Amino acid sequence: MAKTAIAYKEKMKEISVLSFICSCLYPETPKNILGDFEDMAIKPINKRASGQAFEVILKPSSPVSDAAHCVTTPPKRDVSLEDIQKKLEAAEERRRAQEAQVLRALAEKRDHERDVLLKAMEENSNFSRMAEEKLQVKMEHIEENRQAYLAAIMERLQERERHAQEVRRNKELREEVTA
């Protein structure tokens, strides 16, 4: 901090007060606002209200810059037997955990399938029982209707027979009276 203050004081001595004020009021703008990069140059083509167009010029690479951009691989660290053993154990543990998870999922799926089958069998047996009960009630109803129908026919036949006997008796009585 002290060195910075001393350097600042020496710089102020070198610059006149007027040039210092002018540099504050009118800072110097760089000629190429967009920038000049190491391997490319950008220059504006034209400015419009809707936007601005640029031209990007790529410079040919020089042999010096190739060496500068060469990326060296980091040095390989020595791998010990313990590190390899730890990695193998961790991989084996992950494999076991994944296998256990798959087995758990399969067991859950098997349980779900068994539950679905049991429910389907129960619903099927309930449906069969209900259908059988309905059929039984229907058959009983049909049998009752048949018995009632047969009883009604027998009643009508007996009524006709009584009526026929009465007509025969009346006919015989008329024949006896007329004879």
N, C-alpha and C. Protein backbone atom coordinates (compact mmCIF):
# COMPACT_ATOMS: atom_id res chain seq x y z
N MET A 1 0.83 -1.20 0.00
CA MET A 1 0.00 0.00 0.00
C MET A 1 0.87 1.25 0.00
N ALA A 2 1.92 1.24 0.79
CA ALA A 2 2.81 2.41 0.88
C ALA A 2 3.53 2.62 -0.44
N LYS A 3 3.96 1.53 -1.09
CA LYS A 3 4.65 1.64 -2.37
C LYS A 3 3.72 2.23 -3.43
N THR A 4 2.45 1.85 -3.40
CA THR A 4 1.47 2.36 -4.36
C THR A 4 1.29 3.85 -4.18
N ALA A 5 1.23 4.30 -2.95
CA ALA A 5 1.06 5.73 -2.68
C ALA A 5 2.27 6.52 -3.15
N ILE A 6 3.46 5.99 -2.95
CA ILE A 6 4.68 6.68 -3.38
C ILE A 6 4.73 6.75 -4.90
N ALA A 7 4.42 5.65 -5.57
CA ALA A 7 4.41 5.63 -7.03
C ALA A 7 3.38 6.61 -7.57
N TYR A 8 2.23 6.70 -6.93
CA TYR A 8 1.18 7.63 -7.34
C TYR A 8 1.66 9.07 -7.22
N LYS A 9 2.37 9.42 -6.13
CA LYS A 9 2.88 10.79 -5.93
C LYS A 9 3.89 11.14 -7.00
N GLU A 10 4.77 10.20 -7.35
CA GLU A 10 5.77 10.47 -8.38
C GLU A 10 5.11 10.67 -9.75
N LYS A 11 4.09 9.91 -10.02
CA LYS A 11 3.38 10.04 -11.29
C LYS A 11 2.70 11.40 -11.36
N MET A 12 2.14 11.84 -10.27
CA MET A 12 1.46 13.14 -10.24
C MET A 12 2.43 14.28 -10.49
N LYS A 13 3.66 14.11 -10.04
CA LYS A 13 4.66 15.14 -10.28
C LYS A 13 4.98 15.23 -11.78
N GLU A 14 5.00 14.07 -12.44
CA GLU A 14 5.34 14.04 -13.85
C GLU A 14 4.23 14.63 -14.73
N ILE A 15 2.99 14.42 -14.38
CA ILE A 15 1.86 14.88 -15.19
C ILE A 15 1.48 16.29 -14.71
N SER A 16 1.27 17.14 -15.63
CA SER A 16 0.84 18.48 -15.25
C SER A 16 -0.62 18.45 -14.83
N VAL A 17 -1.00 19.39 -14.06
CA VAL A 17 -2.36 19.45 -13.55
C VAL A 17 -3.35 19.61 -14.69
N LEU A 18 -3.03 20.42 -15.68
CA LEU A 18 -3.92 20.64 -16.81
C LEU A 18 -4.14 19.35 -17.61
N SER A 19 -3.06 18.63 -17.89
CA SER A 19 -3.22 17.40 -18.65
C SER A 19 -3.98 16.36 -17.82
N PHE A 20 -3.79 16.41 -16.51
CA PHE A 20 -4.53 15.49 -15.63
C PHE A 20 -6.03 15.76 -15.71
N ILE A 21 -6.42 17.06 -15.68
CA ILE A 21 -7.83 17.43 -15.76
C ILE A 21 -8.39 17.07 -17.13
N CYS A 22 -7.62 17.34 -18.18
CA CYS A 22 -8.08 17.02 -19.52
C CYS A 22 -8.26 15.51 -19.70
N SER A 23 -7.35 14.75 -19.12
CA SER A 23 -7.47 13.30 -19.27
C SER A 23 -8.69 12.77 -18.50
N CYS A 24 -9.06 13.49 -17.44
CA CYS A 24 -10.27 13.08 -16.71
C CYS A 24 -11.52 13.44 -17.50
N LEU A 25 -11.52 14.62 -18.12
CA LEU A 25 -12.70 15.07 -18.84
C LEU A 25 -12.83 14.39 -20.20
N TYR A 26 -11.74 14.20 -20.91
CA TYR A 26 -11.76 13.59 -22.24
C TYR A 26 -10.88 12.33 -22.25
N PRO A 27 -11.39 11.30 -21.76
CA PRO A 27 -10.55 10.09 -21.74
C PRO A 27 -10.30 9.63 -23.17
N GLU A 28 -9.15 9.09 -23.38
CA GLU A 28 -8.75 8.66 -24.70
C GLU A 28 -9.48 7.36 -25.04
N THR A 29 -10.14 7.32 -26.21
CA THR A 29 -10.85 6.12 -26.61
C THR A 29 -9.96 5.31 -27.52
N PRO A 30 -9.98 4.01 -27.38
CA PRO A 30 -9.15 3.20 -28.29
C PRO A 30 -9.73 3.26 -29.69
N LYS A 31 -8.83 3.17 -30.68
CA LYS A 31 -9.28 3.27 -32.07
C LYS A 31 -10.16 2.08 -32.45
N ASN A 32 -9.79 0.90 -32.02
CA ASN A 32 -10.56 -0.30 -32.36
C ASN A 32 -11.38 -0.67 -31.11
N ILE A 33 -12.62 -0.23 -31.08
CA ILE A 33 -13.47 -0.45 -29.91
C ILE A 33 -13.79 -1.94 -29.75
N LEU A 34 -14.03 -2.63 -30.87
CA LEU A 34 -14.44 -4.02 -30.81
C LEU A 34 -13.33 -4.93 -30.34
N GLY A 35 -12.12 -4.57 -30.56
CA GLY A 35 -11.01 -5.36 -30.04
C GLY A 35 -10.23 -6.02 -31.14
N ASP A 36 -8.98 -6.30 -30.84
CA ASP A 36 -8.09 -6.98 -31.76
C ASP A 36 -7.53 -8.17 -30.99
N PHE A 37 -7.93 -9.33 -31.39
CA PHE A 37 -7.50 -10.53 -30.68
C PHE A 37 -6.24 -11.08 -31.32
N GLU A 38 -5.67 -12.05 -30.63
CA GLU A 38 -4.39 -12.58 -31.07
C GLU A 38 -4.50 -13.28 -32.42
N ASP A 39 -5.54 -14.08 -32.62
CA ASP A 39 -5.63 -14.85 -33.86
C ASP A 39 -6.79 -14.41 -34.76
N MET A 40 -7.48 -13.34 -34.41
CA MET A 40 -8.54 -12.84 -35.28
C MET A 40 -8.74 -11.34 -35.07
N ALA A 41 -9.30 -10.71 -36.10
CA ALA A 41 -9.58 -9.28 -36.04
C ALA A 41 -11.05 -9.08 -36.36
N ILE A 42 -11.70 -8.19 -35.62
CA ILE A 42 -13.11 -7.90 -35.84
C ILE A 42 -13.23 -6.45 -36.22
N LYS A 43 -13.89 -6.17 -37.35
CA LYS A 43 -14.11 -4.78 -37.72
C LYS A 43 -15.55 -4.61 -38.18
N PRO A 44 -16.15 -3.47 -37.82
CA PRO A 44 -17.55 -3.25 -38.19
C PRO A 44 -17.68 -2.98 -39.67
N ILE A 45 -18.76 -3.46 -40.29
CA ILE A 45 -19.02 -3.22 -41.71
C ILE A 45 -19.91 -1.99 -41.86
N ASN A 46 -21.06 -2.01 -41.21
CA ASN A 46 -21.94 -0.85 -41.27
C ASN A 46 -22.85 -0.87 -40.04
N LYS A 47 -23.32 0.32 -39.69
CA LYS A 47 -24.21 0.45 -38.54
C LYS A 47 -25.58 0.86 -39.04
N ARG A 48 -26.62 0.24 -38.48
CA ARG A 48 -27.99 0.58 -38.83
C ARG A 48 -28.78 0.69 -37.53
N ALA A 49 -30.01 1.18 -37.69
CA ALA A 49 -30.87 1.28 -36.52
C ALA A 49 -31.28 -0.11 -36.03
N SER A 50 -31.37 -1.06 -36.96
CA SER A 50 -31.80 -2.40 -36.58
C SER A 50 -30.67 -3.22 -35.98
N GLY A 51 -29.44 -2.87 -36.20
CA GLY A 51 -28.33 -3.63 -35.65
C GLY A 51 -27.03 -3.23 -36.29
N GLN A 52 -26.02 -4.05 -36.11
CA GLN A 52 -24.70 -3.74 -36.62
C GLN A 52 -24.11 -5.02 -37.21
N ALA A 53 -23.42 -4.91 -38.35
CA ALA A 53 -22.80 -6.06 -38.99
C ALA A 53 -21.30 -6.01 -38.74
N PHE A 54 -20.68 -7.18 -38.61
CA PHE A 54 -19.25 -7.27 -38.34
C PHE A 54 -18.61 -8.22 -39.33
N GLU A 55 -17.33 -8.01 -39.53
CA GLU A 55 -16.55 -8.92 -40.35
C GLU A 55 -15.46 -9.48 -39.45
N VAL A 56 -15.39 -10.81 -39.40
CA VAL A 56 -14.38 -11.46 -38.58
C VAL A 56 -13.30 -11.99 -39.51
N ILE A 57 -12.08 -11.54 -39.28
CA ILE A 57 -10.95 -11.93 -40.12
C ILE A 57 -10.03 -12.80 -39.29
N LEU A 58 -9.85 -14.03 -39.73
CA LEU A 58 -8.96 -14.95 -39.03
C LEU A 58 -7.55 -14.81 -39.58
N LYS A 59 -6.59 -14.69 -38.70
CA LYS A 59 -5.20 -14.56 -39.13
C LYS A 59 -4.59 -15.96 -39.24
N PRO A 60 -3.70 -16.16 -40.17
CA PRO A 60 -3.06 -17.48 -40.25
C PRO A 60 -2.22 -17.73 -39.01
N SER A 61 -2.23 -18.97 -38.58
CA SER A 61 -1.49 -19.28 -37.35
C SER A 61 -0.01 -19.34 -37.66
N SER A 62 0.76 -18.88 -36.72
CA SER A 62 2.21 -18.88 -36.90
C SER A 62 2.81 -20.04 -36.12
N PRO A 63 3.99 -20.49 -36.49
CA PRO A 63 4.60 -21.61 -35.76
C PRO A 63 4.85 -21.28 -34.31
N VAL A 64 5.04 -20.04 -33.99
CA VAL A 64 5.29 -19.66 -32.59
C VAL A 64 4.02 -19.83 -31.77
N SER A 65 2.87 -19.46 -32.37
CA SER A 65 1.62 -19.54 -31.62
C SER A 65 1.19 -20.99 -31.41
N ASP A 66 1.61 -21.92 -32.34
CA ASP A 66 1.27 -23.33 -32.15
C ASP A 66 1.90 -23.87 -30.88
N ALA A 67 3.11 -23.50 -30.65
CA ALA A 67 3.80 -23.98 -29.45
C ALA A 67 3.15 -23.39 -28.20
N ALA A 68 2.66 -22.17 -28.31
CA ALA A 68 2.05 -21.52 -27.15
C ALA A 68 0.72 -22.18 -26.80
N HIS A 69 -0.02 -22.67 -27.85
CA HIS A 69 -1.33 -23.25 -27.59
C HIS A 69 -1.28 -24.76 -27.32
N CYS A 70 -0.12 -25.34 -27.37
CA CYS A 70 0.01 -26.78 -27.14
C CYS A 70 -0.33 -27.09 -25.69
N VAL A 71 -1.25 -28.00 -25.52
CA VAL A 71 -1.67 -28.35 -24.17
C VAL A 71 -0.92 -29.61 -23.75
N THR A 72 -0.29 -29.52 -22.64
CA THR A 72 0.44 -30.68 -22.15
C THR A 72 -0.47 -31.48 -21.23
N THR A 73 -0.34 -32.77 -21.29
CA THR A 73 -1.16 -33.61 -20.43
C THR A 73 -0.58 -33.58 -19.03
N PRO A 74 -1.45 -33.62 -18.04
CA PRO A 74 -0.94 -33.59 -16.68
C PRO A 74 -0.17 -34.88 -16.41
N PRO A 75 0.81 -34.80 -15.58
CA PRO A 75 1.59 -36.01 -15.30
C PRO A 75 0.70 -37.07 -14.63
N LYS A 76 0.92 -38.32 -15.03
CA LYS A 76 0.13 -39.40 -14.45
C LYS A 76 0.64 -39.67 -13.05
N ARG A 77 -0.31 -39.82 -12.17
CA ARG A 77 0.12 -40.12 -10.80
C ARG A 77 0.21 -41.63 -10.67
N ASP A 78 1.04 -42.03 -9.80
CA ASP A 78 1.24 -43.46 -9.60
C ASP A 78 0.03 -44.04 -8.90
N VAL A 79 -0.47 -45.14 -9.44
CA VAL A 79 -1.62 -45.81 -8.86
C VAL A 79 -1.11 -46.98 -8.04
N SER A 80 -1.50 -46.98 -6.79
CA SER A 80 -1.02 -48.04 -5.92
C SER A 80 -1.99 -49.22 -5.94
N LEU A 81 -1.53 -50.32 -5.43
CA LEU A 81 -2.35 -51.53 -5.36
C LEU A 81 -3.55 -51.31 -4.44
N GLU A 82 -3.35 -50.53 -3.38
CA GLU A 82 -4.44 -50.24 -2.44
C GLU A 82 -5.54 -49.43 -3.13
N ASP A 83 -5.14 -48.44 -3.95
CA ASP A 83 -6.12 -47.63 -4.68
C ASP A 83 -6.94 -48.51 -5.63
N ILE A 84 -6.24 -49.38 -6.34
CA ILE A 84 -6.95 -50.28 -7.27
C ILE A 84 -7.89 -51.18 -6.50
N GLN A 85 -7.43 -51.70 -5.37
CA GLN A 85 -8.26 -52.58 -4.55
C GLN A 85 -9.49 -51.84 -4.03
N LYS A 86 -9.32 -50.60 -3.60
CA LYS A 86 -10.44 -49.79 -3.11
C LYS A 86 -11.45 -49.53 -4.21
N LYS A 87 -10.95 -49.22 -5.41
CA LYS A 87 -11.84 -48.97 -6.53
C LYS A 87 -12.61 -50.23 -6.91
N LEU A 88 -11.92 -51.37 -6.90
CA LEU A 88 -12.60 -52.63 -7.21
C LEU A 88 -13.66 -52.97 -6.16
N GLU A 89 -13.34 -52.72 -4.90
CA GLU A 89 -14.32 -52.98 -3.83
C GLU A 89 -15.53 -52.05 -3.96
N ALA A 90 -15.26 -50.79 -4.29
CA ALA A 90 -16.36 -49.84 -4.47
C ALA A 90 -17.24 -50.25 -5.66
N ALA A 91 -16.61 -50.70 -6.74
CA ALA A 91 -17.37 -51.14 -7.91
C ALA A 91 -18.19 -52.38 -7.57
N GLU A 92 -17.59 -53.30 -6.81
CA GLU A 92 -18.30 -54.51 -6.39
C GLU A 92 -19.49 -54.15 -5.49
N GLU A 93 -19.29 -53.18 -4.62
CA GLU A 93 -20.38 -52.74 -3.73
C GLU A 93 -21.50 -52.10 -4.54
N ARG A 94 -21.15 -51.27 -5.53
CA ARG A 94 -22.17 -50.67 -6.40
C ARG A 94 -22.93 -51.74 -7.16
N ARG A 95 -22.19 -52.76 -7.66
CA ARG A 95 -22.83 -53.84 -8.40
C ARG A 95 -23.78 -54.60 -7.49
N ARG A 96 -23.36 -54.88 -6.28
CA ARG A 96 -24.24 -55.59 -5.33
C ARG A 96 -25.48 -54.76 -5.00
N ALA A 97 -25.27 -53.46 -4.80
CA ALA A 97 -26.41 -52.59 -4.48
C ALA A 97 -27.38 -52.54 -5.65
N GLN A 98 -26.85 -52.45 -6.87
CA GLN A 98 -27.72 -52.41 -8.05
C GLN A 98 -28.45 -53.74 -8.21
N GLU A 99 -27.73 -54.85 -7.98
CA GLU A 99 -28.36 -56.16 -8.08
C GLU A 99 -29.46 -56.32 -7.03
N ALA A 100 -29.20 -55.84 -5.81
CA ALA A 100 -30.21 -55.91 -4.76
C ALA A 100 -31.42 -55.07 -5.12
N GLN A 101 -31.17 -53.92 -5.71
CA GLN A 101 -32.28 -53.05 -6.12
C GLN A 101 -33.11 -53.72 -7.21
N VAL A 102 -32.44 -54.37 -8.17
CA VAL A 102 -33.16 -55.06 -9.24
C VAL A 102 -33.98 -56.21 -8.66
N LEU A 103 -33.37 -56.97 -7.73
CA LEU A 103 -34.09 -58.09 -7.10
C LEU A 103 -35.29 -57.59 -6.30
N ARG A 104 -35.11 -56.46 -5.62
CA ARG A 104 -36.22 -55.87 -4.86
C ARG A 104 -37.35 -55.45 -5.79
N ALA A 105 -36.98 -54.84 -6.92
CA ALA A 105 -38.00 -54.42 -7.88
C ALA A 105 -38.72 -55.63 -8.46
N LEU A 106 -37.98 -56.70 -8.75
CA LEU A 106 -38.60 -57.91 -9.28
C LEU A 106 -39.54 -58.54 -8.24
N ALA A 107 -39.11 -58.55 -6.97
CA ALA A 107 -39.96 -59.11 -5.92
C ALA A 107 -41.25 -58.29 -5.78
N GLU A 108 -41.12 -56.97 -5.83
CA GLU A 108 -42.31 -56.12 -5.76
C GLU A 108 -43.23 -56.38 -6.94
N LYS A 109 -42.64 -56.55 -8.13
CA LYS A 109 -43.44 -56.82 -9.32
C LYS A 109 -44.14 -58.17 -9.19
N ARG A 110 -43.42 -59.19 -8.69
CA ARG A 110 -44.01 -60.51 -8.50
C ARG A 110 -45.16 -60.44 -7.48
N ASP A 111 -44.95 -59.70 -6.39
CA ASP A 111 -46.02 -59.54 -5.38
C ASP A 111 -47.23 -58.86 -6.00
N HIS A 112 -46.97 -57.84 -6.80
CA HIS A 112 -48.08 -57.11 -7.44
C HIS A 112 -48.84 -58.04 -8.39
N GLU A 113 -48.09 -58.84 -9.18
CA GLU A 113 -48.74 -59.78 -10.09
C GLU A 113 -49.57 -60.80 -9.31
N ARG A 114 -49.02 -61.30 -8.20
CA ARG A 114 -49.76 -62.26 -7.38
C ARG A 114 -51.02 -61.63 -6.82
N ASP A 115 -50.91 -60.40 -6.34
CA ASP A 115 -52.10 -59.70 -5.82
C ASP A 115 -53.15 -59.51 -6.90
N VAL A 116 -52.69 -59.15 -8.10
CA VAL A 116 -53.63 -58.94 -9.21
C VAL A 116 -54.32 -60.25 -9.57
N LEU A 117 -53.54 -61.35 -9.62
CA LEU A 117 -54.13 -62.65 -9.94
C LEU A 117 -55.14 -63.08 -8.87
N LEU A 118 -54.78 -62.88 -7.59
CA LEU A 118 -55.71 -63.23 -6.52
C LEU A 118 -57.00 -62.42 -6.61
N LYS A 119 -56.85 -61.13 -6.89
CA LYS A 119 -58.02 -60.27 -7.01
C LYS A 119 -58.87 -60.70 -8.20
N ALA A 120 -58.22 -61.04 -9.33
CA ALA A 120 -58.96 -61.48 -10.51
C ALA A 120 -59.69 -62.79 -10.23
N MET A 121 -59.02 -63.71 -9.53
CA MET A 121 -59.67 -64.99 -9.19
C MET A 121 -60.85 -64.76 -8.26
N GLU A 122 -60.66 -63.86 -7.29
CA GLU A 122 -61.75 -63.55 -6.36
C GLU A 122 -62.93 -62.92 -7.10
N GLU A 123 -62.65 -61.97 -7.98
CA GLU A 123 -63.72 -61.35 -8.75
C GLU A 123 -64.41 -62.37 -9.65
N ASN A 124 -63.63 -63.27 -10.24
CA ASN A 124 -64.20 -64.30 -11.10
C ASN A 124 -65.11 -65.23 -10.30
N SER A 125 -64.65 -65.64 -9.10
CA SER A 125 -65.48 -66.51 -8.27
C SER A 125 -66.74 -65.78 -7.80
N ASN A 126 -66.59 -64.49 -7.45
CA ASN A 126 -67.76 -63.70 -7.05
C ASN A 126 -68.75 -63.59 -8.22
N PHE A 127 -68.22 -63.36 -9.42
CA PHE A 127 -69.09 -63.24 -10.59
C PHE A 127 -69.80 -64.57 -10.84
N SER A 128 -69.05 -65.69 -10.75
CA SER A 128 -69.65 -67.00 -10.98
C SER A 128 -70.73 -67.28 -9.95
N ARG A 129 -70.44 -66.96 -8.69
CA ARG A 129 -71.43 -67.19 -7.62
C ARG A 129 -72.67 -66.35 -7.83
N MET A 130 -72.46 -65.07 -8.18
CA MET A 130 -73.61 -64.19 -8.41
C MET A 130 -74.41 -64.66 -9.63
N ALA A 131 -73.73 -65.08 -10.69
CA ALA A 131 -74.42 -65.56 -11.88
C ALA A 131 -75.21 -66.83 -11.55
N GLU A 132 -74.60 -67.70 -10.76
CA GLU A 132 -75.29 -68.94 -10.37
C GLU A 132 -76.52 -68.64 -9.52
N GLU A 133 -76.36 -67.68 -8.59
CA GLU A 133 -77.51 -67.30 -7.75
C GLU A 133 -78.62 -66.69 -8.60
N LYS A 134 -78.25 -65.83 -9.53
CA LYS A 134 -79.26 -65.22 -10.41
C LYS A 134 -79.96 -66.29 -11.24
N LEU A 135 -79.18 -67.23 -11.77
CA LEU A 135 -79.75 -68.31 -12.57
C LEU A 135 -80.69 -69.16 -11.72
N GLN A 136 -80.27 -69.43 -10.49
CA GLN A 136 -81.11 -70.23 -9.58
C GLN A 136 -82.43 -69.52 -9.31
N VAL A 137 -82.36 -68.21 -9.02
CA VAL A 137 -83.57 -67.43 -8.75
C VAL A 137 -84.45 -67.41 -10.00
N LYS A 138 -83.83 -67.25 -11.16
CA LYS A 138 -84.58 -67.22 -12.42
C LYS A 138 -85.26 -68.57 -12.67
N MET A 139 -84.53 -69.64 -12.43
CA MET A 139 -85.11 -70.97 -12.63
C MET A 139 -86.27 -71.22 -11.66
N GLU A 140 -86.10 -70.77 -10.41
CA GLU A 140 -87.19 -70.91 -9.43
C GLU A 140 -88.41 -70.12 -9.87
N HIS A 141 -88.17 -68.91 -10.36
CA HIS A 141 -89.26 -68.04 -10.83
C HIS A 141 -89.97 -68.70 -12.02
N ILE A 142 -89.16 -69.24 -12.96
CA ILE A 142 -89.75 -69.92 -14.12
C ILE A 142 -90.57 -71.12 -13.66
N GLU A 143 -90.04 -71.88 -12.71
CA GLU A 143 -90.75 -73.05 -12.20
C GLU A 143 -92.06 -72.64 -11.52
N GLU A 144 -92.01 -71.55 -10.73
CA GLU A 144 -93.23 -71.06 -10.08
C GLU A 144 -94.26 -70.64 -11.12
N ASN A 145 -93.79 -69.90 -12.16
CA ASN A 145 -94.70 -69.46 -13.22
C ASN A 145 -95.29 -70.67 -13.95
N ARG A 146 -94.46 -71.70 -14.20
CA ARG A 146 -94.95 -72.90 -14.89
C ARG A 146 -96.01 -73.62 -14.05
N GLN A 147 -95.71 -73.72 -12.75
CA GLN A 147 -96.66 -74.39 -11.85
C GLN A 147 -97.98 -73.61 -11.81
N ALA A 148 -97.86 -72.27 -11.75
CA ALA A 148 -99.06 -71.44 -11.72
C ALA A 148 -99.84 -71.58 -13.03
N TYR A 149 -99.11 -71.61 -14.16
CA TYR A 149 -99.74 -71.76 -15.46
C TYR A 149 -100.45 -73.12 -15.56
N LEU A 150 -99.76 -74.19 -15.14
CA LEU A 150 -100.37 -75.51 -15.17
C LEU A 150 -101.59 -75.59 -14.24
N ALA A 151 -101.48 -74.95 -13.08
CA ALA A 151 -102.61 -74.93 -12.13
C ALA A 151 -103.79 -74.19 -12.75
N ALA A 152 -103.49 -73.08 -13.45
CA ALA A 152 -104.56 -72.30 -14.08
C ALA A 152 -105.22 -73.12 -15.19
N ILE A 153 -104.42 -73.81 -16.01
CA ILE A 153 -104.97 -74.65 -17.08
C ILE A 153 -105.82 -75.77 -16.48
N MET A 154 -105.30 -76.43 -15.43
CA MET A 154 -106.07 -77.50 -14.78
C MET A 154 -107.38 -76.95 -14.22
N GLU A 155 -107.31 -75.77 -13.64
CA GLU A 155 -108.52 -75.14 -13.09
C GLU A 155 -109.52 -74.89 -14.20
N ARG A 156 -109.04 -74.36 -15.35
CA ARG A 156 -109.95 -74.11 -16.47
C ARG A 156 -110.52 -75.43 -17.02
N LEU A 157 -109.67 -76.44 -17.09
CA LEU A 157 -110.17 -77.74 -17.57
C LEU A 157 -111.24 -78.30 -16.62
N GLN A 158 -110.99 -78.20 -15.34
CA GLN A 158 -111.98 -78.68 -14.36
C GLN A 158 -113.26 -77.85 -14.46
N GLU A 159 -113.06 -76.54 -14.67
CA GLU A 159 -114.24 -75.65 -14.83
C GLU A 159 -115.03 -76.08 -16.06
N ARG A 160 -114.34 -76.34 -17.17
CA ARG A 160 -115.01 -76.79 -18.39
C ARG A 160 -115.71 -78.15 -18.16
N GLU A 161 -114.99 -79.01 -17.47
CA GLU A 161 -115.59 -80.33 -17.19
C GLU A 161 -116.84 -80.18 -16.35
N ARG A 162 -116.80 -79.33 -15.34
CA ARG A 162 -118.00 -79.08 -14.51
C ARG A 162 -119.11 -78.48 -15.36
N HIS A 163 -118.71 -77.51 -16.21
CA HIS A 163 -119.70 -76.87 -17.07
C HIS A 163 -120.29 -77.90 -18.04
N ALA A 164 -119.42 -78.78 -18.61
CA ALA A 164 -119.91 -79.81 -19.54
C ALA A 164 -120.84 -80.78 -18.81
N GLN A 165 -120.52 -81.15 -17.58
CA GLN A 165 -121.40 -82.05 -16.81
C GLN A 165 -122.72 -81.36 -16.52
N GLU A 166 -122.65 -80.07 -16.21
CA GLU A 166 -123.89 -79.33 -15.91
C GLU A 166 -124.74 -79.24 -17.17
N VAL A 167 -124.07 -78.98 -18.33
CA VAL A 167 -124.82 -78.90 -19.59
C VAL A 167 -125.43 -80.28 -19.88
N ARG A 168 -124.70 -81.37 -19.69
CA ARG A 168 -125.23 -82.71 -19.92
C ARG A 168 -126.40 -83.00 -18.99
N ARG A 169 -126.26 -82.63 -17.73
CA ARG A 169 -127.36 -82.85 -16.77
C ARG A 169 -128.59 -82.05 -17.18
N ASN A 170 -128.35 -80.79 -17.57
CA ASN A 170 -129.49 -79.97 -18.01
C ASN A 170 -130.12 -80.58 -19.26
N LYS A 171 -129.32 -81.11 -20.17
CA LYS A 171 -129.84 -81.71 -21.39
C LYS A 171 -130.64 -82.96 -21.05
N GLU A 172 -130.12 -83.75 -20.14
CA GLU A 172 -130.84 -84.94 -19.72
C GLU A 172 -132.15 -84.56 -19.03
N LEU A 173 -132.11 -83.54 -18.24
CA LEU A 173 -133.34 -83.09 -17.55
C LEU A 173 -134.32 -82.59 -18.56
N ARG A 174 -133.88 -81.87 -19.58
CA ARG A 174 -134.79 -81.40 -20.61
C ARG A 174 -135.36 -82.56 -21.40
N GLU A 175 -134.54 -83.51 -21.68
CA GLU A 175 -135.03 -84.67 -22.41
C GLU A 175 -136.05 -85.44 -21.57
N GLU A 176 -135.83 -85.55 -20.30
CA GLU A 176 -136.77 -86.23 -19.42
C GLU A 176 -138.06 -85.46 -19.33
N VAL A 177 -137.98 -84.15 -19.27
CA VAL A 177 -139.18 -83.31 -19.16
C VAL A 177 -139.92 -83.37 -20.51
N THR A 178 -139.29 -83.29 -21.59
CA THR A 178 -139.92 -83.33 -22.89
C THR A 178 -140.33 -84.77 -23.27
N ALA A 179 -139.87 -85.69 -22.70
CA ALA A 179 -140.20 -87.03 -23.08
C ALA A 179 -141.30 -87.61 -22.32
